[in-house]
PDB file of N, CA and C in Angstrom:
ATOM      1  N   MET A   1      21.313  43.350-164.880  1.00  0.00           N
ATOM      2  CA  MET A   1      21.589  43.512-163.713  1.00  0.00           C
ATOM      3  C   MET A   1      22.175  44.961-162.946  1.00  0.00           C
ATOM      4  N   GLY A   2      21.532  45.537-161.991  1.00  0.00           N
ATOM      5  CA  GLY A   2      22.439  46.877-161.585  1.00  0.00           C
ATOM      6  C   GLY A   2      23.621  46.786-161.176  1.00  0.00           C
ATOM      7  N   VAL A   3      24.171  48.017-160.803  1.00  0.00           N
ATOM      8  CA  VAL A   3      25.200  48.276-159.933  1.00  0.00           C
ATOM      9  C   VAL A   3      24.376  48.523-158.288  1.00  0.00           C
ATOM     10  N   LYS A   4      25.318  47.296-157.301  1.00  0.00           N
ATOM     11  CA  LYS A   4      24.545  47.409-155.906  1.00  0.00           C
ATOM     12  C   LYS A   4      25.297  48.445-155.450  1.00  0.00           C
ATOM     13  N   PRO A   5      24.371  49.309-154.792  1.00  0.00           N
ATOM     14  CA  PRO A   5      24.974  50.949-154.154  1.00  0.00           C
ATOM     15  C   PRO A   5      25.733  50.486-152.972  1.00  0.00           C
ATOM     16  N   ILE A   6      26.756  50.981-152.708  1.00  0.00           N
ATOM     17  CA  ILE A   6      27.796  51.196-151.517  1.00  0.00           C
ATOM     18  C   ILE A   6      26.971  51.840-150.386  1.00  0.00           C
ATOM     19  N   ARG A   7      26.854  50.896-149.299  1.00  0.00           N
ATOM     20  CA  ARG A   7      26.352  51.623-148.019  1.00  0.00           C
ATOM     21  C   ARG A   7      27.255  51.689-147.032  1.00  0.00           C
ATOM     22  N   LEU A   8      27.520  52.833-146.507  1.00  0.00           N
ATOM     23  CA  LEU A   8      28.570  53.277-145.768  1.00  0.00           C
ATOM     24  C   LEU A   8      27.977  53.356-144.235  1.00  0.00           C
ATOM     25  N   MET A   9      28.747  53.235-143.044  1.00  0.00           N
ATOM     26  CA  MET A   9      28.551  53.289-141.950  1.00  0.00           C
ATOM     27  C   MET A   9      29.733  54.287-141.027  1.00  0.00           C
ATOM     28  N   GLY A  10      29.166  55.481-140.542  1.00  0.00           N
ATOM     29  CA  GLY A  10      29.754  55.943-139.417  1.00  0.00           C
ATOM     30  C   GLY A  10      29.982  55.618-138.245  1.00  0.00           C
ATOM     31  N   ALA A  11      30.994  56.074-137.417  1.00  0.00           N
ATOM     32  CA  ALA A  11      30.560  55.468-135.759  1.00  0.00           C
ATOM     33  C   ALA A  11      29.190  55.827-135.237  1.00  0.00           C
ATOM     34  N   HIS A  12      28.568  57.298-135.635  1.00  0.00           N
ATOM     35  CA  HIS A  12      27.117  56.887-134.940  1.00  0.00           C
ATOM     36  C   HIS A  12      26.436  55.907-135.273  1.00  0.00           C
ATOM     37  N   GLU A  13      26.530  55.639-136.478  1.00  0.00           N
ATOM     38  CA  GLU A  13      25.504  54.493-136.743  1.00  0.00           C
ATOM     39  C   GLU A  13      25.888  53.192-136.386  1.00  0.00           C
ATOM     40  N   ILE A  14      27.381  53.078-136.143  1.00  0.00           N
ATOM     41  CA  ILE A  14      27.468  51.922-135.464  1.00  0.00           C
ATOM     42  C   ILE A  14      27.338  51.990-134.164  1.00  0.00           C
ATOM     43  N   ARG A  15      27.175  52.968-133.323  1.00  0.00           N
ATOM     44  CA  ARG A  15      26.754  53.144-131.826  1.00  0.00           C
ATOM     45  C   ARG A  15      25.111  52.709-132.149  1.00  0.00           C
ATOM     46  N   ILE A  16      24.426  53.223-132.489  1.00  0.00           N
ATOM     47  CA  ILE A  16      23.094  52.911-132.869  1.00  0.00           C
ATOM     48  C   ILE A  16      22.685  51.610-132.885  1.00  0.00           C
ATOM     49  N   ARG A  17      23.440  50.633-134.067  1.00  0.00           N
ATOM     50  CA  ARG A  17      23.374  49.438-134.316  1.00  0.00           C
ATOM     51  C   ARG A  17      23.589  48.225-132.836  1.00  0.00           C
ATOM     52  N   LEU A  18      24.461  48.967-132.440  1.00  0.00           N
ATOM     53  CA  LEU A  18      25.153  48.616-131.521  1.00  0.00           C
ATOM     54  C   LEU A  18      24.103  48.340-129.938  1.00  0.00           C
ATOM     55  N   GLY A  19      23.211  49.064-130.206  1.00  0.00           N
ATOM     56  CA  GLY A  19      21.978  49.430-128.991  1.00  0.00           C
ATOM     57  C   GLY A  19      22.402  50.775-128.448  1.00  0.00           C
ATOM     58  N   GLY A  20      22.818  51.662-128.985  1.00  0.00           N
ATOM     59  CA  GLY A  20      23.157  53.175-128.723  1.00  0.00           C
ATOM     60  C   GLY A  20      24.255  52.765-127.169  1.00  0.00           C
ATOM     61  N   VAL A  21      25.480  52.220-127.516  1.00  0.00           N
ATOM     62  CA  VAL A  21      26.522  52.301-126.677  1.00  0.00           C
ATOM     63  C   VAL A  21      27.328  53.654-126.763  1.00  0.00           C
ATOM     64  N   SER A  22      27.851  53.749-125.746  1.00  0.00           N
ATOM     65  CA  SER A  22      28.549  55.039-125.310  1.00  0.00           C
ATOM     66  C   SER A  22      29.395  55.336-126.474  1.00  0.00           C
ATOM     67  N   ARG A  23      30.242  56.526-127.103  1.00  0.00           N
ATOM     68  CA  ARG A  23      31.295  56.926-127.834  1.00  0.00           C
ATOM     69  C   ARG A  23      32.520  55.823-127.434  1.00  0.00           C
ATOM     70  N   GLN A  24      32.519  55.968-125.765  1.00  0.00           N
ATOM     71  CA  GLN A  24      34.118  55.122-126.171  1.00  0.00           C
ATOM     72  C   GLN A  24      33.709  53.563-126.061  1.00  0.00           C
ATOM     73  N   ARG A  25      32.684  52.959-125.449  1.00  0.00           N
ATOM     74  CA  ARG A  25      32.557  51.861-126.130  1.00  0.00           C
ATOM     75  C   ARG A  25      32.573  51.631-127.556  1.00  0.00           C
ATOM     76  N   ALA A  26      32.028  52.723-128.300  1.00  0.00           N
ATOM     77  CA  ALA A  26      32.032  52.390-129.936  1.00  0.00           C
ATOM     78  C   ALA A  26      33.311  52.250-130.378  1.00  0.00           C
ATOM     79  N   TYR A  27      34.534  53.444-129.693  1.00  0.00           N
ATOM     80  CA  TYR A  27      35.589  53.311-130.187  1.00  0.00           C
ATOM     81  C   TYR A  27      36.341  52.157-129.902  1.00  0.00           C
ATOM     82  N   GLN A  28      36.229  51.474-128.679  1.00  0.00           N
ATOM     83  CA  GLN A  28      36.659  50.506-128.112  1.00  0.00           C
ATOM     84  C   GLN A  28      36.513  49.197-129.270  1.00  0.00           C
ATOM     85  N   ILE A  29      35.490  49.118-129.373  1.00  0.00           N
ATOM     86  CA  ILE A  29      34.557  47.744-130.550  1.00  0.00           C
ATOM     87  C   ILE A  29      35.359  48.030-131.606  1.00  0.00           C
ATOM     88  N   THR A  30      35.404  49.199-132.355  1.00  0.00           N
ATOM     89  CA  THR A  30      35.652  49.691-133.671  1.00  0.00           C
ATOM     90  C   THR A  30      37.435  49.510-133.868  1.00  0.00           C
ATOM     91  N   SER A  31      37.917  49.735-132.832  1.00  0.00           N
ATOM     92  CA  SER A  31      39.475  49.390-132.640  1.00  0.00           C
ATOM     93  C   SER A  31      40.099  47.923-132.342  1.00  0.00           C
ATOM     94  N   ARG A  32      38.920  47.195-132.046  1.00  0.00           N
ATOM     95  CA  ARG A  32      39.740  45.646-132.152  1.00  0.00           C
ATOM     96  C   ARG A  32      40.317  45.033-133.330  1.00  0.00           C
ATOM     97  N   ALA A  33      41.033  44.306-133.323  1.00  0.00           N
ATOM     98  CA  ALA A  33      41.621  43.602-134.142  1.00  0.00           C
ATOM     99  C   ALA A  33      40.797  42.778-135.418  1.00  0.00           C
ATOM    100  N   ASP A  34      40.020  42.425-134.625  1.00  0.00           N
ATOM    101  CA  ASP A  34      38.660  41.706-135.646  1.00  0.00           C
ATOM    102  C   ASP A  34      37.815  42.387-136.154  1.00  0.00           C
ATOM    103  N   PHE A  35      37.534  43.634-135.548  1.00  0.00           N
ATOM    104  CA  PHE A  35      36.721  44.508-136.176  1.00  0.00           C
ATOM    105  C   PHE A  35      37.187  44.742-137.821  1.00  0.00           C
ATOM    106  N   PRO A  36      35.950  44.860-138.644  1.00  0.00           N
ATOM    107  CA  PRO A  36      36.611  45.443-140.473  1.00  0.00           C
ATOM    108  C   PRO A  36      37.402  46.317-140.321  1.00  0.00           C
ATOM    109  N   LYS A  37      38.235  46.747-141.176  1.00  0.00           N
ATOM    110  CA  LYS A  37      38.906  47.880-141.407  1.00  0.00           C
ATOM    111  C   LYS A  37      38.075  49.033-142.073  1.00  0.00           C
ATOM    112  N   PRO A  38      38.112  50.121-141.442  1.00  0.00           N
ATOM    113  CA  PRO A  38      37.547  51.073-142.397  1.00  0.00           C
ATOM    114  C   PRO A  38      37.686  51.177-143.796  1.00  0.00           C
ATOM    115  N   VAL A  39      36.852  51.779-144.406  1.00  0.00           N
ATOM    116  CA  VAL A  39      37.271  51.955-146.053  1.00  0.00           C
ATOM    117  C   VAL A  39      37.751  53.567-146.372  1.00  0.00           C
ATOM    118  N   ALA A  40      37.664  54.292-145.650  1.00  0.00           N
ATOM    119  CA  ALA A  40      37.819  55.838-145.685  1.00  0.00           C
ATOM    120  C   ALA A  40      38.029  56.284-144.083  1.00  0.00           C
ATOM    121  N   ASP A  41      39.037  57.126-144.291  1.00  0.00           N
ATOM    122  CA  ASP A  41      39.103  57.997-142.923  1.00  0.00           C
ATOM    123  C   ASP A  41      38.952  59.752-143.309  1.00  0.00           C
ATOM    124  N   LEU A  42      37.827  59.986-143.170  1.00  0.00           N
ATOM    125  CA  LEU A  42      37.339  61.479-143.574  1.00  0.00           C
ATOM    126  C   LEU A  42      37.426  62.352-142.510  1.00  0.00           C
ATOM    127  N   ALA A  43      37.047  63.671-142.769  1.00  0.00           N
ATOM    128  CA  ALA A  43      37.333  64.740-141.819  1.00  0.00           C
ATOM    129  C   ALA A  43      36.371  64.459-140.532  1.00  0.00           C
ATOM    130  N   GLN A  44      35.143  63.782-141.019  1.00  0.00           N
ATOM    131  CA  GLN A  44      34.146  63.712-139.816  1.00  0.00           C
ATOM    132  C   GLN A  44      34.370  62.192-139.498  1.00  0.00           C
ATOM    133  N   GLY A  45      35.723  61.782-139.491  1.00  0.00           N
ATOM    134  CA  GLY A  45      36.191  60.124-138.764  1.00  0.00           C
ATOM    135  C   GLY A  45      35.609  59.372-139.973  1.00  0.00           C
ATOM    136  N   LYS A  46      36.062  57.993-139.255  1.00  0.00           N
ATOM    137  CA  LYS A  46      36.337  56.818-140.079  1.00  0.00           C
ATOM    138  C   LYS A  46      34.371  56.486-140.444  1.00  0.00           C
ATOM    139  N   VAL A  47      34.833  55.489-141.732  1.00  0.00           N
ATOM    140  CA  VAL A  47      33.611  55.238-142.258  1.00  0.00           C
ATOM    141  C   VAL A  47      34.075  53.629-142.694  1.00  0.00           C
ATOM    142  N   TRP A  48      32.748  52.655-142.743  1.00  0.00           N
ATOM    143  CA  TRP A  48      33.250  51.274-142.864  1.00  0.00           C
ATOM    144  C   TRP A  48      32.093  50.705-144.007  1.00  0.00           C
ATOM    145  N   LEU A  49      32.011  49.939-144.544  1.00  0.00           N
ATOM    146  CA  LEU A  49      30.962  49.167-145.195  1.00  0.00           C
ATOM    147  C   LEU A  49      30.085  48.430-144.309  1.00  0.00           C
ATOM    148  N   THR A  50      28.633  49.321-144.425  1.00  0.00           N
ATOM    149  CA  THR A  50      27.748  48.550-143.569  1.00  0.00           C
ATOM    150  C   THR A  50      27.484  46.783-143.552  1.00  0.00           C
ATOM    151  N   GLU A  51      27.787  46.124-145.078  1.00  0.00           N
ATOM    152  CA  GLU A  51      27.891  44.868-145.308  1.00  0.00           C
ATOM    153  C   GLU A  51      28.812  44.021-144.192  1.00  0.00           C
ATOM    154  N   ASP A  52      29.996  44.671-144.236  1.00  0.00           N
ATOM    155  CA  ASP A  52      31.354  44.432-143.286  1.00  0.00           C
ATOM    156  C   ASP A  52      30.830  44.436-141.517  1.00  0.00           C
ATOM    157  N   VAL A  53      30.444  45.804-141.425  1.00  0.00           N
ATOM    158  CA  VAL A  53      29.961  45.949-139.969  1.00  0.00           C
ATOM    159  C   VAL A  53      28.826  44.706-139.427  1.00  0.00           C
ATOM    160  N   GLU A  54      27.551  44.661-140.292  1.00  0.00           N
ATOM    161  CA  GLU A  54      26.758  43.899-140.151  1.00  0.00           C
ATOM    162  C   GLU A  54      26.963  42.222-139.889  1.00  0.00           C
ATOM    163  N   ALA A  55      27.952  42.203-140.933  1.00  0.00           N
ATOM    164  CA  ALA A  55      28.681  40.560-140.752  1.00  0.00           C
ATOM    165  C   ALA A  55      29.485  40.562-139.642  1.00  0.00           C
ATOM    166  N   TRP A  56      30.063  41.324-139.135  1.00  0.00           N
ATOM    167  CA  TRP A  56      30.901  41.414-138.104  1.00  0.00           C
ATOM    168  C   TRP A  56      29.719  41.223-136.636  1.00  0.00           C
ATOM    169  N   MET A  57      28.916  41.933-136.679  1.00  0.00           N
ATOM    170  CA  MET A  57      28.152  41.931-135.568  1.00  0.00           C
ATOM    171  C   MET A  57      27.118  40.444-135.358  1.00  0.00           C
ATOM    172  N   LYS A  58      26.769  39.927-136.443  1.00  0.00           N
ATOM    173  CA  LYS A  58      26.035  38.282-136.502  1.00  0.00           C
ATOM    174  C   LYS A  58      27.246  37.524-135.865  1.00  0.00           C
ATOM    175  N   VAL A  59      28.385  37.564-135.937  1.00  0.00           N
ATOM    176  CA  VAL A  59      29.365  36.730-135.256  1.00  0.00           C
ATOM    177  C   VAL A  59      29.514  37.100-133.769  1.00  0.00           C
ATOM    178  N   HIS A  60      29.394  38.606-133.510  1.00  0.00           N
ATOM    179  CA  HIS A  60      30.137  39.187-132.255  1.00  0.00           C
ATOM    180  C   HIS A  60      29.374  39.538-131.529  1.00  0.00           C
ATOM    181  N   ARG A  61      28.133  39.601-131.801  1.00  0.00           N
ATOM    182  CA  ARG A  61      27.110  40.043-131.072  1.00  0.00           C
ATOM    183  C   ARG A  61      27.036  39.351-129.764  1.00  0.00           C
ATOM    184  N   ARG A  62      26.937  38.766-129.452  1.00  0.00           N
ATOM    185  CA  ARG A  62      26.969  37.593-128.452  1.00  0.00           C
ATOM    186  C   ARG A  62      27.730  38.332-127.432  1.00  0.00           C
ATOM    187  N   ASP A  63      28.869  38.088-127.916  1.00  0.00           N
ATOM    188  CA  ASP A  63      30.080  38.424-127.144  1.00  0.00           C
ATOM    189  C   ASP A  63      30.163  39.831-126.708  1.00  0.00           C
ATOM    190  N   LEU A  64      29.799  40.652-127.103  1.00  0.00           N
ATOM    191  CA  LEU A  64      29.618  41.879-127.228  1.00  0.00           C
ATOM    192  C   LEU A  64      28.415  42.181-125.818  1.00  0.00           C
ATOM    193  N   ASP A  65      27.203  41.762-125.942  1.00  0.00           N
ATOM    194  CA  ASP A  65      26.325  41.533-125.205  1.00  0.00           C
ATOM    195  C   ASP A  65      26.627  40.785-123.619  1.00  0.00           C
ATOM    196  N   ASP A  66      27.399  39.796-123.853  1.00  0.00           N
ATOM    197  CA  ASP A  66      27.983  39.257-122.884  1.00  0.00           C
ATOM    198  C   ASP A  66      29.054  40.049-121.849  1.00  0.00           C
ATOM    199  N   SER A  67      29.786  41.102-122.429  1.00  0.00           N
ATOM    200  CA  SER A  67      31.007  41.818-121.827  1.00  0.00           C
ATOM    201  C   SER A  67      30.360  43.116-121.394  1.00  0.00           C
ATOM    202  N   GLU A  68      29.040  43.479-121.663  1.00  0.00           N
ATOM    203  CA  GLU A  68      28.104  44.454-121.274  1.00  0.00           C
ATOM    204  C   GLU A  68      27.559  44.115-119.964  1.00  0.00           C
ATOM    205  N   ASP A  69      27.051  43.544-119.316  1.00  0.00           N
ATOM    206  CA  ASP A  69      26.820  42.839-117.981  1.00  0.00           C
ATOM    207  C   ASP A  69      27.530  43.374-116.914  1.00  0.00           C
TER     208      ASP A  69
END
């Protein structure tokens, strides 16, 4: 059994996955208490585990779509 690679996502990738939201909107979303905690805070910004972000989006995507109207 091979080692599973760690996939990371920065704010830019999160913006794209959320459908191209603004930087401000991405910041609001990633600052929510229920959003996964970043795994690191680099000079370029925070990074999250891709699987954490995608799992969160599966649960909350409808909520986000509703609030964008």
